Amino acid sequence: MAQETIYVDCPCCGARLEARRDDGKVMGHWTKLLKKEGDPIKAAAEKLKAEKERHKNLLSGASAMIEEQKRRALEKFDKERERVERENDTSRPPSPFDLD
């Protein structure tokens, strides 16, 4: 004969119990999910707002880093241009293909 189980909700804590009908042994126990306090829509809106702020901070940090890299590259370019004008260097830079 197959073991039949019954499901009982605890009147005290609201948990669900799975028990064997033959001997009453508890086979499983599931706690009742607690309802969250407050408005779920408001909580979701606040979470979305915080996520947008975090993304904004990440993007602004990335754009600042790109601007800094651009500034450094322009500084190097200007220094090299000044060196070429100062030394009157009109020769072609070495090419890696000329080394063959």
PDB file of N, CA and C in Angstrom:
ATOM      1  N   MET A   1       0.845  -1.174   0.000  1.00  0.00           N
ATOM      2  CA  MET A   1       0.000   0.000   0.000  1.00  0.00           C
ATOM      3  C   MET A   1       0.887   1.234   0.000  1.00  0.00           C
ATOM      4  N   ALA A   2       0.578   2.203  -0.812  1.00  0.00           N
ATOM      5  CA  ALA A   2       1.371   3.423  -0.906  1.00  0.00           C
ATOM      6  C   ALA A   2       1.184   4.269   0.340  1.00  0.00           C
ATOM      7  N   GLN A   3       2.260   4.912   0.720  1.00  0.00           N
ATOM      8  CA  GLN A   3       2.172   5.780   1.898  1.00  0.00           C
ATOM      9  C   GLN A   3       1.483   7.072   1.492  1.00  0.00           C
ATOM     10  N   GLU A   4       0.408   7.350   2.126  1.00  0.00           N
ATOM     11  CA  GLU A   4      -0.329   8.565   1.820  1.00  0.00           C
ATOM     12  C   GLU A   4       0.134   9.668   2.757  1.00  0.00           C
ATOM     13  N   THR A   5       0.270  10.844   2.213  1.00  0.00           N
ATOM     14  CA  THR A   5       0.675  11.987   3.029  1.00  0.00           C
ATOM     15  C   THR A   5      -0.454  12.991   3.057  1.00  0.00           C
ATOM     16  N   ILE A   6      -0.469  13.726   4.131  1.00  0.00           N
ATOM     17  CA  ILE A   6      -1.445  14.807   4.241  1.00  0.00           C
ATOM     18  C   ILE A   6      -0.687  16.099   4.515  1.00  0.00           C
ATOM     19  N   TYR A   7      -1.270  17.185   4.125  1.00  0.00           N
ATOM     20  CA  TYR A   7      -0.679  18.503   4.335  1.00  0.00           C
ATOM     21  C   TYR A   7      -1.537  19.249   5.345  1.00  0.00           C
ATOM     22  N   VAL A   8      -0.876  19.793   6.348  1.00  0.00           N
ATOM     23  CA  VAL A   8      -1.577  20.483   7.424  1.00  0.00           C
ATOM     24  C   VAL A   8      -0.942  21.854   7.596  1.00  0.00           C
ATOM     25  N   ASP A   9      -1.772  22.889   7.725  1.00  0.00           N
ATOM     26  CA  ASP A   9      -1.281  24.234   8.022  1.00  0.00           C
ATOM     27  C   ASP A   9      -1.313  24.437   9.524  1.00  0.00           C
ATOM     28  N   CYS A  10      -0.181  24.857  10.085  1.00  0.00           N
ATOM     29  CA  CYS A  10      -0.074  25.075  11.524  1.00  0.00           C
ATOM     30  C   CYS A  10      -0.886  26.317  11.897  1.00  0.00           C
ATOM     31  N   PRO A  11      -1.799  26.209  12.860  1.00  0.00           N
ATOM     32  CA  PRO A  11      -2.595  27.377  13.241  1.00  0.00           C
ATOM     33  C   PRO A  11      -1.788  28.416  14.018  1.00  0.00           C
ATOM     34  N   CYS A  12      -0.657  28.005  14.572  1.00  0.00           N
ATOM     35  CA  CYS A  12       0.150  28.920  15.381  1.00  0.00           C
ATOM     36  C   CYS A  12       1.054  29.792  14.512  1.00  0.00           C
ATOM     37  N   CYS A  13       1.891  29.145  13.686  1.00  0.00           N
ATOM     38  CA  CYS A  13       2.878  29.909  12.909  1.00  0.00           C
ATOM     39  C   CYS A  13       2.526  30.013  11.434  1.00  0.00           C
ATOM     40  N   GLY A  14       1.554  29.237  10.973  1.00  0.00           N
ATOM     41  CA  GLY A  14       1.148  29.313   9.579  1.00  0.00           C
ATOM     42  C   GLY A  14       2.000  28.468   8.654  1.00  0.00           C
ATOM     43  N   ALA A  15       2.921  27.665   9.197  1.00  0.00           N
ATOM     44  CA  ALA A  15       3.771  26.823   8.362  1.00  0.00           C
ATOM     45  C   ALA A  15       2.969  25.647   7.822  1.00  0.00           C
ATOM     46  N   ARG A  16       3.400  25.116   6.697  1.00  0.00           N
ATOM     47  CA  ARG A  16       2.744  23.949   6.118  1.00  0.00           C
ATOM     48  C   ARG A  16       3.592  22.722   6.444  1.00  0.00           C
ATOM     49  N   LEU A  17       2.933  21.686   6.947  1.00  0.00           N
ATOM     50  CA  LEU A  17       3.592  20.441   7.321  1.00  0.00           C
ATOM     51  C   LEU A  17       3.104  19.321   6.418  1.00  0.00           C
ATOM     52  N   GLU A  18       4.032  18.457   6.017  1.00  0.00           N
ATOM     53  CA  GLU A  18       3.677  17.254   5.269  1.00  0.00           C
ATOM     54  C   GLU A  18       3.888  16.083   6.224  1.00  0.00           C
ATOM     55  N   ALA A  19       2.839  15.332   6.499  1.00  0.00           N
ATOM     56  CA  ALA A  19       2.922  14.230   7.458  1.00  0.00           C
ATOM     57  C   ALA A  19       2.393  12.951   6.826  1.00  0.00           C
ATOM     58  N   ARG A  20       2.973  11.820   7.271  1.00  0.00           N
ATOM     59  CA  ARG A  20       2.472  10.523   6.824  1.00  0.00           C
ATOM     60  C   ARG A  20       1.196  10.206   7.585  1.00  0.00           C
ATOM     61  N   ARG A  21       0.239   9.694   6.867  1.00  0.00           N
ATOM     62  CA  ARG A  21      -1.054   9.399   7.468  1.00  0.00           C
ATOM     63  C   ARG A  21      -0.958   8.194   8.414  1.00  0.00           C
ATOM     64  N   ASP A  22      -0.076   7.257   8.126  1.00  0.00           N
ATOM     65  CA  ASP A  22       0.013   6.032   8.924  1.00  0.00           C
ATOM     66  C   ASP A  22       0.494   6.292  10.343  1.00  0.00           C
ATOM     67  N   ASP A  23       1.663   6.958  10.472  1.00  0.00           N
ATOM     68  CA  ASP A  23       2.254   7.111  11.803  1.00  0.00           C
ATOM     69  C   ASP A  23       2.356   8.561  12.260  1.00  0.00           C
ATOM     70  N   GLY A  24       2.005   9.523  11.421  1.00  0.00           N
ATOM     71  CA  GLY A  24       2.027  10.926  11.817  1.00  0.00           C
ATOM     72  C   GLY A  24       3.396  11.573  11.764  1.00  0.00           C
ATOM     73  N   LYS A  25       4.380  10.876  11.190  1.00  0.00           N
ATOM     74  CA  LYS A  25       5.733  11.427  11.103  1.00  0.00           C
ATOM     75  C   LYS A  25       5.754  12.587  10.103  1.00  0.00           C
ATOM     76  N   VAL A  26       6.378  13.687  10.514  1.00  0.00           N
ATOM     77  CA  VAL A  26       6.480  14.874   9.658  1.00  0.00           C
ATOM     78  C   VAL A  26       7.558  14.627   8.612  1.00  0.00           C
ATOM     79  N   MET A  27       7.190  14.704   7.355  1.00  0.00           N
ATOM     80  CA  MET A  27       8.111  14.457   6.251  1.00  0.00           C
ATOM     81  C   MET A  27       8.667  15.752   5.661  1.00  0.00           C
ATOM     82  N   GLY A  28       7.935  16.833   5.766  1.00  0.00           N
ATOM     83  CA  GLY A  28       8.400  18.100   5.211  1.00  0.00           C
ATOM     84  C   GLY A  28       7.817  19.264   5.977  1.00  0.00           C
ATOM     85  N   HIS A  29       8.525  20.388   5.906  1.00  0.00           N
ATOM     86  CA  HIS A  29       8.097  21.581   6.641  1.00  0.00           C
ATOM     87  C   HIS A  29       8.431  22.796   5.793  1.00  0.00           C
ATOM     88  N   TRP A  30       7.457  23.641   5.541  1.00  0.00           N
ATOM     89  CA  TRP A  30       7.671  24.860   4.770  1.00  0.00           C
ATOM     90  C   TRP A  30       7.168  26.037   5.592  1.00  0.00           C
ATOM     91  N   THR A  31       8.043  26.997   5.792  1.00  0.00           N
ATOM     92  CA  THR A  31       7.636  28.168   6.568  1.00  0.00           C
ATOM     93  C   THR A  31       6.796  29.086   5.692  1.00  0.00           C
ATOM     94  N   LYS A  32       5.909  29.785   6.318  1.00  0.00           N
ATOM     95  CA  LYS A  32       5.040  30.708   5.606  1.00  0.00           C
ATOM     96  C   LYS A  32       5.837  31.962   5.278  1.00  0.00           C
ATOM     97  N   LEU A  33       5.699  32.434   4.057  1.00  0.00           N
ATOM     98  CA  LEU A  33       6.378  33.655   3.661  1.00  0.00           C
ATOM     99  C   LEU A  33       5.735  34.841   4.359  1.00  0.00           C
ATOM    100  N   LEU A  34       6.584  35.664   4.932  1.00  0.00           N
ATOM    101  CA  LEU A  34       6.082  36.840   5.632  1.00  0.00           C
ATOM    102  C   LEU A  34       5.777  37.941   4.637  1.00  0.00           C
ATOM    103  N   LYS A  35       4.666  38.593   4.840  1.00  0.00           N
ATOM    104  CA  LYS A  35       4.314  39.712   3.974  1.00  0.00           C
ATOM    105  C   LYS A  35       5.153  40.912   4.370  1.00  0.00           C
ATOM    106  N   LYS A  36       5.666  41.584   3.365  1.00  0.00           N
ATOM    107  CA  LYS A  36       6.497  42.755   3.624  1.00  0.00           C
ATOM    108  C   LYS A  36       5.622  43.941   3.984  1.00  0.00           C
ATOM    109  N   GLU A  37       6.150  44.733   4.867  1.00  0.00           N
ATOM    110  CA  GLU A  37       5.440  45.941   5.278  1.00  0.00           C
ATOM    111  C   GLU A  37       5.615  47.013   4.206  1.00  0.00           C
ATOM    112  N   GLY A  38       4.639  47.844   4.025  1.00  0.00           N
ATOM    113  CA  GLY A  38       4.747  48.973   3.112  1.00  0.00           C
ATOM    114  C   GLY A  38       4.191  48.667   1.734  1.00  0.00           C
ATOM    115  N   ASP A  39       4.289  49.671   0.892  1.00  0.00           N
ATOM    116  CA  ASP A  39       3.746  49.602  -0.454  1.00  0.00           C
ATOM    117  C   ASP A  39       4.781  48.984  -1.394  1.00  0.00           C
ATOM    118  N   PRO A  40       4.477  47.883  -2.064  1.00  0.00           N
ATOM    119  CA  PRO A  40       5.465  47.270  -2.953  1.00  0.00           C
ATOM    120  C   PRO A  40       5.768  48.135  -4.177  1.00  0.00           C
ATOM    121  N   ILE A  41       4.809  48.908  -4.638  1.00  0.00           N
ATOM    122  CA  ILE A  41       5.047  49.773  -5.798  1.00  0.00           C
ATOM    123  C   ILE A  41       6.008  50.895  -5.421  1.00  0.00           C
ATOM    124  N   LYS A  42       5.822  51.456  -4.239  1.00  0.00           N
ATOM    125  CA  LYS A  42       6.711  52.519  -3.785  1.00  0.00           C
ATOM    126  C   LYS A  42       8.126  51.982  -3.582  1.00  0.00           C
ATOM    127  N   ALA A  43       8.238  50.787  -3.018  1.00  0.00           N
ATOM    128  CA  ALA A  43       9.552  50.177  -2.811  1.00  0.00           C
ATOM    129  C   ALA A  43      10.230  49.902  -4.151  1.00  0.00           C
ATOM    130  N   ALA A  44       9.461  49.432  -5.130  1.00  0.00           N
ATOM    131  CA  ALA A  44      10.022  49.168  -6.451  1.00  0.00           C
ATOM    132  C   ALA A  44      10.464  50.463  -7.117  1.00  0.00           C
ATOM    133  N   ALA A  45       9.698  51.533  -6.948  1.00  0.00           N
ATOM    134  CA  ALA A  45      10.068  52.828  -7.525  1.00  0.00           C
ATOM    135  C   ALA A  45      11.352  53.355  -6.892  1.00  0.00           C
ATOM    136  N   GLU A  46      11.486  53.196  -5.582  1.00  0.00           N
ATOM    137  CA  GLU A  46      12.708  53.643  -4.907  1.00  0.00           C
ATOM    138  C   GLU A  46      13.910  52.823  -5.362  1.00  0.00           C
ATOM    139  N   LYS A  47      13.707  51.518  -5.529  1.00  0.00           N
ATOM    140  CA  LYS A  47      14.790  50.654  -5.994  1.00  0.00           C
ATOM    141  C   LYS A  47      15.207  51.046  -7.410  1.00  0.00           C
ATOM    142  N   LEU A  48      14.240  51.340  -8.265  1.00  0.00           N
ATOM    143  CA  LEU A  48      14.530  51.757  -9.631  1.00  0.00           C
ATOM    144  C   LEU A  48      15.279  53.086  -9.649  1.00  0.00           C
ATOM    145  N   LYS A  49      14.880  54.006  -8.780  1.00  0.00           N
ATOM    146  CA  LYS A  49      15.543  55.304  -8.697  1.00  0.00           C
ATOM    147  C   LYS A  49      16.993  55.136  -8.242  1.00  0.00           C
ATOM    148  N   ALA A  50      17.223  54.276  -7.259  1.00  0.00           N
ATOM    149  CA  ALA A  50      18.585  54.025  -6.783  1.00  0.00           C
ATOM    150  C   ALA A  50      19.431  53.379  -7.875  1.00  0.00           C
ATOM    151  N   GLU A  51      18.842  52.477  -8.639  1.00  0.00           N
ATOM    152  CA  GLU A  51      19.563  51.817  -9.726  1.00  0.00           C
ATOM    153  C   GLU A  51      19.927  52.822 -10.822  1.00  0.00           C
ATOM    154  N   LYS A  52      19.009  53.732 -11.143  1.00  0.00           N
ATOM    155  CA  LYS A  52      19.302  54.770 -12.135  1.00  0.00           C
ATOM    156  C   LYS A  52      20.443  55.667 -11.668  1.00  0.00           C
ATOM    157  N   GLU A  53      20.442  56.016 -10.391  1.00  0.00           N
ATOM    158  CA  GLU A  53      21.504  56.857  -9.838  1.00  0.00           C
ATOM    159  C   GLU A  53      22.854  56.140  -9.914  1.00  0.00           C
ATOM    160  N   ARG A  54      22.851  54.840  -9.629  1.00  0.00           N
ATOM    161  CA  ARG A  54      24.090  54.069  -9.687  1.00  0.00           C
ATOM    162  C   ARG A  54      24.612  54.018 -11.124  1.00  0.00           C
ATOM    163  N   HIS A  55      23.713  53.804 -12.091  1.00  0.00           N
ATOM    164  CA  HIS A  55      24.119  53.785 -13.497  1.00  0.00           C
ATOM    165  C   HIS A  55      24.653  55.150 -13.921  1.00  0.00           C
ATOM    166  N   LYS A  56      24.009  56.208 -13.458  1.00  0.00           N
ATOM    167  CA  LYS A  56      24.450  57.556 -13.802  1.00  0.00           C
ATOM    168  C   LYS A  56      25.861  57.801 -13.277  1.00  0.00           C
ATOM    169  N   ASN A  57      26.130  57.366 -12.050  1.00  0.00           N
ATOM    170  CA  ASN A  57      27.464  57.531 -11.479  1.00  0.00           C
ATOM    171  C   ASN A  57      28.502  56.727 -12.246  1.00  0.00           C
ATOM    172  N   LEU A  58      28.152  55.513 -12.651  1.00  0.00           N
ATOM    173  CA  LEU A  58      29.087  54.700 -13.421  1.00  0.00           C
ATOM    174  C   LEU A  58      29.401  55.351 -14.764  1.00  0.00           C
ATOM    175  N   LEU A  59      28.371  55.863 -15.437  1.00  0.00           N
ATOM    176  CA  LEU A  59      28.584  56.479 -16.744  1.00  0.00           C
ATOM    177  C   LEU A  59      29.361  57.779 -16.637  1.00  0.00           C
ATOM    178  N   SER A  60      29.084  58.570 -15.601  1.00  0.00           N
ATOM    179  CA  SER A  60      29.820  59.822 -15.460  1.00  0.00           C
ATOM    180  C   SER A  60      31.284  59.542 -15.144  1.00  0.00           C
ATOM    181  N   GLY A  61      31.548  58.505 -14.366  1.00  0.00           N
ATOM    182  CA  GLY A  61      32.931  58.125 -14.072  1.00  0.00           C
ATOM    183  C   GLY A  61      33.652  57.663 -15.326  1.00  0.00           C
ATOM    184  N   ALA A  62      32.958  56.918 -16.176  1.00  0.00           N
ATOM    185  CA  ALA A  62      33.558  56.431 -17.415  1.00  0.00           C
ATOM    186  C   ALA A  62      33.824  57.587 -18.372  1.00  0.00           C
ATOM    187  N   SER A  63      32.888  58.524 -18.464  1.00  0.00           N
ATOM    188  CA  SER A  63      33.100  59.652 -19.375  1.00  0.00           C
ATOM    189  C   SER A  63      34.232  60.540 -18.877  1.00  0.00           C
ATOM    190  N   ALA A  64      34.365  60.690 -17.563  1.00  0.00           N
ATOM    191  CA  ALA A  64      35.476  61.471 -17.017  1.00  0.00           C
ATOM    192  C   ALA A  64      36.806  60.792 -17.326  1.00  0.00           C
ATOM    193  N   MET A  65      36.843  59.469 -17.247  1.00  0.00           N
ATOM    194  CA  MET A  65      38.065  58.738 -17.547  1.00  0.00           C
ATOM    195  C   MET A  65      38.432  58.888 -19.029  1.00  0.00           C
ATOM    196  N   ILE A  66      37.444  58.837 -19.910  1.00  0.00           N
ATOM    197  CA  ILE A  66      37.703  59.003 -21.343  1.00  0.00           C
ATOM    198  C   ILE A  66      38.212  60.409 -21.631  1.00  0.00           C
ATOM    199  N   GLU A  67      37.618  61.408 -20.991  1.00  0.00           N
ATOM    200  CA  GLU A  67      38.083  62.788 -21.171  1.00  0.00           C
ATOM    201  C   GLU A  67      39.533  62.942 -20.711  1.00  0.00           C
ATOM    202  N   GLU A  68      39.893  62.290 -19.599  1.00  0.00           N
ATOM    203  CA  GLU A  68      41.268  62.354 -19.093  1.00  0.00           C
ATOM    204  C   GLU A  68      42.236  61.697 -20.077  1.00  0.00           C
ATOM    205  N   GLN A  69      41.871  60.557 -20.641  1.00  0.00           N
ATOM    206  CA  GLN A  69      42.714  59.894 -21.634  1.00  0.00           C
ATOM    207  C   GLN A  69      42.876  60.767 -22.878  1.00  0.00           C
ATOM    208  N   LYS A  70      41.808  61.410 -23.290  1.00  0.00           N
ATOM    209  CA  LYS A  70      41.860  62.293 -24.460  1.00  0.00           C
ATOM    210  C   LYS A  70      42.792  63.470 -24.196  1.00  0.00           C
ATOM    211  N   ARG A  71      42.694  64.040 -22.980  1.00  0.00           N
ATOM    212  CA  ARG A  71      43.550  65.168 -22.621  1.00  0.00           C
ATOM    213  C   ARG A  71      45.026  64.760 -22.638  1.00  0.00           C
ATOM    214  N   ARG A  72      45.343  63.577 -22.088  1.00  0.00           N
ATOM    215  CA  ARG A  72      46.736  63.107 -22.076  1.00  0.00           C
ATOM    216  C   ARG A  72      47.259  62.880 -23.490  1.00  0.00           C
ATOM    217  N   ALA A  73      46.430  62.291 -24.359  1.00  0.00           N
ATOM    218  CA  ALA A  73      46.849  62.043 -25.734  1.00  0.00           C
ATOM    219  C   ALA A  73      47.116  63.357 -26.464  1.00  0.00           C
ATOM    220  N   LEU A  74      46.259  64.357 -26.238  1.00  0.00           N
ATOM    221  CA  LEU A  74      46.480  65.659 -26.877  1.00  0.00           C
ATOM    222  C   LEU A  74      47.740  66.329 -26.352  1.00  0.00           C
ATOM    223  N   GLU A  75      48.025  66.176 -25.051  1.00  0.00           N
ATOM    224  CA  GLU A  75      49.262  66.736 -24.492  1.00  0.00           C
ATOM    225  C   GLU A  75      50.481  66.099 -25.145  1.00  0.00           C
ATOM    226  N   LYS A  76      50.482  64.780 -25.288  1.00  0.00           N
ATOM    227  CA  LYS A  76      51.610  64.093 -25.928  1.00  0.00           C
ATOM    228  C   LYS A  76      51.762  64.545 -27.375  1.00  0.00           C
ATOM    229  N   PHE A  77      50.641  64.685 -28.069  1.00  0.00           N
ATOM    230  CA  PHE A  77      50.690  65.120 -29.458  1.00  0.00           C
ATOM    231  C   PHE A  77      51.264  66.528 -29.567  1.00  0.00           C
ATOM    232  N   ASP A  78      50.809  67.436 -28.688  1.00  0.00           N
ATOM    233  CA  ASP A  78      51.314  68.811 -28.713  1.00  0.00           C
ATOM    234  C   ASP A  78      52.803  68.864 -28.397  1.00  0.00           C
ATOM    235  N   LYS A  79      53.259  68.067 -27.418  1.00  0.00           N
ATOM    236  CA  LYS A  79      54.690  68.037 -27.085  1.00  0.00           C
ATOM    237  C   LYS A  79      55.514  67.569 -28.275  1.00  0.00           C
ATOM    238  N   GLU A  80      55.053  66.533 -28.945  1.00  0.00           N
ATOM    239  CA  GLU A  80      55.790  66.009 -30.090  1.00  0.00           C
ATOM    240  C   GLU A  80      55.774  67.007 -31.248  1.00  0.00           C
ATOM    241  N   ARG A  81      54.658  67.689 -31.452  1.00  0.00           N
ATOM    242  CA  ARG A  81      54.589  68.696 -32.512  1.00  0.00           C
ATOM    243  C   ARG A  81      55.555  69.844 -32.230  1.00  0.00           C
ATOM    244  N   GLU A  82      55.618  70.279 -30.960  1.00  0.00           N
ATOM    245  CA  GLU A  82      56.561  71.334 -30.585  1.00  0.00           C
ATOM    246  C   GLU A  82      57.999  70.876 -30.788  1.00  0.00           C
ATOM    247  N   ARG A  83      58.285  69.605 -30.457  1.00  0.00           N
ATOM    248  CA  ARG A  83      59.637  69.088 -30.657  1.00  0.00           C
ATOM    249  C   ARG A  83      60.000  69.088 -32.139  1.00  0.00           C
ATOM    250  N   VAL A  84      59.065  68.685 -32.996  1.00  0.00           N
ATOM    251  CA  VAL A  84      59.331  68.655 -34.440  1.00  0.00           C
ATOM    252  C   VAL A  84      59.577  70.066 -34.951  1.00  0.00           C
ATOM    253  N   GLU A  85      58.795  71.041 -34.505  1.00  0.00           N
ATOM    254  CA  GLU A  85      58.987  72.429 -34.943  1.00  0.00           C
ATOM    255  C   GLU A  85      60.303  72.990 -34.412  1.00  0.00           C
ATOM    256  N   ARG A  86      60.627  72.660 -33.166  1.00  0.00           N
ATOM    257  CA  ARG A  86      61.840  73.186 -32.547  1.00  0.00           C
ATOM    258  C   ARG A  86      63.091  72.603 -33.213  1.00  0.00           C
ATOM    259  N   GLU A  87      63.103  71.311 -33.511  1.00  0.00           N
ATOM    260  CA  GLU A  87      64.271  70.660 -34.103  1.00  0.00           C
ATOM    261  C   GLU A  87      64.232  70.691 -35.625  1.00  0.00           C
ATOM    262  N   ASN A  88      63.168  71.192 -36.186  1.00  0.00           N
ATOM    263  CA  ASN A  88      62.992  71.258 -37.636  1.00  0.00           C
ATOM    264  C   ASN A  88      63.176  69.869 -38.258  1.00  0.00           C
ATOM    265  N   ASP A  89      62.565  68.896 -37.627  1.00  0.00           N
ATOM    266  CA  ASP A  89      62.674  67.500 -38.050  1.00  0.00           C
ATOM    267  C   ASP A  89      61.575  67.206 -39.064  1.00  0.00           C
ATOM    268  N   THR A  90      61.950  67.079 -40.328  1.00  0.00           N
ATOM    269  CA  THR A  90      60.973  66.794 -41.377  1.00  0.00           C
ATOM    270  C   THR A  90      61.132  65.380 -41.919  1.00  0.00           C
ATOM    271  N   SER A  91      61.970  64.574 -41.287  1.00  0.00           N
ATOM    272  CA  SER A  91      62.173  63.202 -41.763  1.00  0.00           C
ATOM    273  C   SER A  91      60.965  62.332 -41.411  1.00  0.00           C
ATOM    274  N   ARG A  92      60.832  61.299 -42.168  1.00  0.00           N
ATOM    275  CA  ARG A  92      59.736  60.369 -41.963  1.00  0.00           C
ATOM    276  C   ARG A  92      60.035  59.475 -40.758  1.00  0.00           C
ATOM    277  N   PRO A  93      59.039  59.168 -39.923  1.00  0.00           N
ATOM    278  CA  PRO A  93      59.296  58.279 -38.792  1.00  0.00           C
ATOM    279  C   PRO A  93      59.632  56.872 -39.282  1.00  0.00           C
ATOM    280  N   PRO A  94      60.391  56.131 -38.497  1.00  0.00           N
ATOM    281  CA  PRO A  94      60.768  54.777 -38.944  1.00  0.00           C
ATOM    282  C   PRO A  94      59.540  53.878 -39.063  1.00  0.00           C
ATOM    283  N   SER A  95      59.540  53.083 -40.102  1.00  0.00           N
ATOM    284  CA  SER A  95      58.435  52.164 -40.347  1.00  0.00           C
ATOM    285  C   SER A  95      58.891  50.745 -40.004  1.00  0.00           C
ATOM    286  N   PRO A  96      58.080  49.971 -39.349  1.00  0.00           N
ATOM    287  CA  PRO A  96      58.495  48.604 -39.028  1.00  0.00           C
ATOM    288  C   PRO A  96      58.672  47.735 -40.276  1.00  0.00           C
ATOM    289  N   PHE A  97      58.063  48.111 -41.398  1.00  0.00           N
ATOM    290  CA  PHE A  97      58.200  47.337 -42.622  1.00  0.00           C
ATOM    291  C   PHE A  97      59.535  47.604 -43.312  1.00  0.00           C
ATOM    292  N   ASP A  98      60.200  48.711 -42.973  1.00  0.00           N
ATOM    293  CA  ASP A  98      61.486  49.037 -43.577  1.00  0.00           C
ATOM    294  C   ASP A  98      62.618  48.219 -42.972  1.00  0.00           C
ATOM    295  N   LEU A  99      62.388  47.543 -41.877  1.00  0.00           N
ATOM    296  CA  LEU A  99      63.440  46.801 -41.198  1.00  0.00           C
ATOM    297  C   LEU A  99      63.762  45.480 -41.887  1.00  0.00           C
ATOM    298  N   ASP A 100      62.973  45.058 -42.830  1.00  0.00           N
ATOM    299  CA  ASP A 100      63.219  43.779 -43.518  1.00  0.00           C
ATOM    300  C   ASP A 100      64.453  43.800 -44.324  1.00  0.00           C
TER     301      ASP A 100
END
